Amino acid sequence: MQAIVETVFDAACLIFVISVGVLMLRRCGGNRQYRLFGAMAVVLGAGDSFHLIPRAVALCTTCLDSYTVALGIGKLITSLTMTVFYVLLYHVWQLRYNARNRHGLTCLVYLLATARIALCLCPQNDWLSAYQPLFWGILRNIPFALMGLLIILLFSRSVREHHDRDFRFMALTIILSFAFYIPVVLFADSIPLIGILMIPKTLAYVGTVVIGYCAMRREIGSSKNA
């Protein structure tokens, strides 16, 4: 039963997120903000597929232990693409709120992203084993969490200042994604049931994508009717 439910859920989320991303790329009308948002959605879906597809195959055939290498590689790729996802989201914030001359802030985002990627690529993560070291799981997620916190603060402040109703829930989706993700990093190996939090975490990311798509439809629709 778990195999069926999880596989259907993951497939639906991947197809939905990638499809919305492609639609945004095709229908953004040259709007850089929404073109970037579409690329962000495609990166999210494509990156997650490297982990979720091997997991679905494992659940529907033998067991997870038979696909340790594929799952480890997929988890590494997902970790890298999620970093890119937040860098792109930062640039969406820049474009939406015309905050393009924040060189120090941009350097900080790229520094955190570089640190995250470098830590993910360290062999001590032992990606190809069934159980990665908890210490390295925490270490590589420190710059990732700091990136998330920074982007939460940026969107929270800018949404209030600009009375941006379309993006009013953006910070909340990011908060929820980290709230569900952090317990998985800390406790999933010792309490496997904690892994179920990846479902609401995925839904939080879907919410982020939906916010961007709905905002694009309203904005482009309004401009066509003007």
Foldseek 3Di string as FASTA:
>chain_A
DCLVVLLVLLVVLLVVLLVLLVVQCVPLVPQPLSVLLSVLSNLQSVLQCQQSVLQSVQSVPPHPQVCLQSNLVSVLSNQLSVLVSLLSLVVSLCSVLVVPPPVVVNVLSVVLSVQLNVLSPDCQQVSSDNDGDLVSLVVSCPSVVVSLVVSLVSLCVSCVVVVPPLCNCLSVLSVLLCVLPVCCSRPCVPPVVSVVSVSVNSVSVVVNSVSSSVVSCVVVVVVVVD
